Each structure stands twice: as structure tokens, then as C-alpha cells.
């Protein structure tokens, strides 16, 4: 097993956090779009 530098550990953790927050952001955005689509039929739109 090779030695991992502290910087590499930090970068990996940051990458994982970025990936998770990206997925969460996408889910929130999709939910927002779905809500917007439903409300468009009643003549009301949410701001983007």
C-alpha cells in the first residue's frame, strides 16, 4: 500500500463532497422544474 499525502486525501474528500452536492443540486432542480410544470397548468410560474 502506497503512502497517500495529506493533499491527496483533502482533494479526494473535496471531490466526493462536490459530487454529492452536485447530485443533490440536480435533484432539487428537477423537483423545482416538476413543481413549476405542475403550476404552469394553473397559470402560475415559479421564477427560475
C-alpha atoms as a PDB file:
ATOM      1  CA  UNK A   1       0.000   0.000   0.000  1.00  0.00           C
ATOM      2  CA  UNK A   2       1.486   3.310  -1.052  1.00  0.00           C
ATOM      3  CA  UNK A   3       1.586   6.329   1.186  1.00  0.00           C
ATOM      4  CA  UNK A   4      -1.082   8.944   0.471  1.00  0.00           C
ATOM      5  CA  UNK A   5      -0.229  12.582   1.041  1.00  0.00           C
ATOM      6  CA  UNK A   6      -2.475  14.845   3.077  1.00  0.00           C
ATOM      7  CA  UNK A   7      -3.159  16.952  -0.022  1.00  0.00           C
ATOM      8  CA  UNK A   8      -4.387  13.886  -1.906  1.00  0.00           C
ATOM      9  CA  UNK A   9      -6.735  12.979   0.955  1.00  0.00           C
ATOM     10  CA  UNK A  10      -8.109  16.534   1.034  1.00  0.00           C
ATOM     11  CA  UNK A  11      -8.585  16.567  -2.746  1.00  0.00           C
ATOM     12  CA  UNK A  12     -10.381  13.213  -2.673  1.00  0.00           C
ATOM     13  CA  UNK A  13     -12.672  14.393   0.127  1.00  0.00           C
ATOM     14  CA  UNK A  14     -13.360  17.649  -1.739  1.00  0.00           C
ATOM     15  CA  UNK A  15     -14.114  15.705  -4.926  1.00  0.00           C
ATOM     16  CA  UNK A  16     -16.534  13.444  -3.085  1.00  0.00           C
ATOM     17  CA  UNK A  17     -18.267  16.435  -1.457  1.00  0.00           C
ATOM     18  CA  UNK A  18     -18.523  18.180  -4.835  1.00  0.00           C
ATOM     19  CA  UNK A  19     -20.029  15.055  -6.438  1.00  0.00           C
ATOM     20  CA  UNK A  20     -22.587  14.598  -3.645  1.00  0.00           C
ATOM     21  CA  UNK A  21     -23.596  18.263  -3.643  1.00  0.00           C
ATOM     22  CA  UNK A  22     -23.885  18.123  -7.440  1.00  0.00           C
ATOM     23  CA  UNK A  23     -26.285  15.167  -7.250  1.00  0.00           C
ATOM     24  CA  UNK A  24     -28.331  16.861  -4.501  1.00  0.00           C
ATOM     25  CA  UNK A  25     -28.419  20.079  -6.526  1.00  0.00           C
ATOM     26  CA  UNK A  26     -29.636  18.193  -9.592  1.00  0.00           C
ATOM     27  CA  UNK A  27     -32.411  16.501  -7.592  1.00  0.00           C
ATOM     28  CA  UNK A  28     -33.524  19.843  -6.110  1.00  0.00           C
ATOM     29  CA  UNK A  29     -33.502  21.426  -9.577  1.00  0.00           C
ATOM     30  CA  UNK A  30     -35.536  18.567 -11.072  1.00  0.00           C
ATOM     31  CA  UNK A  31     -38.076  18.814  -8.227  1.00  0.00           C
ATOM     32  CA  UNK A  32     -38.273  22.582  -8.814  1.00  0.00           C
ATOM     33  CA  UNK A  33     -38.863  22.058 -12.565  1.00  0.00           C
ATOM     34  CA  UNK A  34     -41.581  19.468 -11.862  1.00  0.00           C
ATOM     35  CA  UNK A  35     -43.321  21.834  -9.422  1.00  0.00           C
ATOM     36  CA  UNK A  36     -43.012  24.616 -11.982  1.00  0.00           C
ATOM     37  CA  UNK A  37     -44.507  22.407 -14.696  1.00  0.00           C
ATOM     38  CA  UNK A  38     -47.471  21.464 -12.488  1.00  0.00           C
ATOM     39  CA  UNK A  39     -48.144  25.073 -11.534  1.00  0.00           C
ATOM     40  CA  UNK A  40     -47.830  26.273 -15.156  1.00  0.00           C
ATOM     41  CA  UNK A  41     -51.086  24.484 -15.942  1.00  0.00           C
ATOM     42  CA  UNK A  42     -52.896  26.678 -13.427  1.00  0.00           C
ATOM     43  CA  UNK A  43     -51.349  29.817 -14.935  1.00  0.00           C
ATOM     44  CA  UNK A  44     -48.740  30.399 -12.220  1.00  0.00           C
ATOM     45  CA  UNK A  45     -44.976  30.006 -12.779  1.00  0.00           C
ATOM     46  CA  UNK A  46     -42.138  29.979 -10.278  1.00  0.00           C
ATOM     47  CA  UNK A  47     -39.164  32.225 -11.034  1.00  0.00           C
ATOM     48  CA  UNK A  48     -36.059  30.396 -12.292  1.00  0.00           C
END
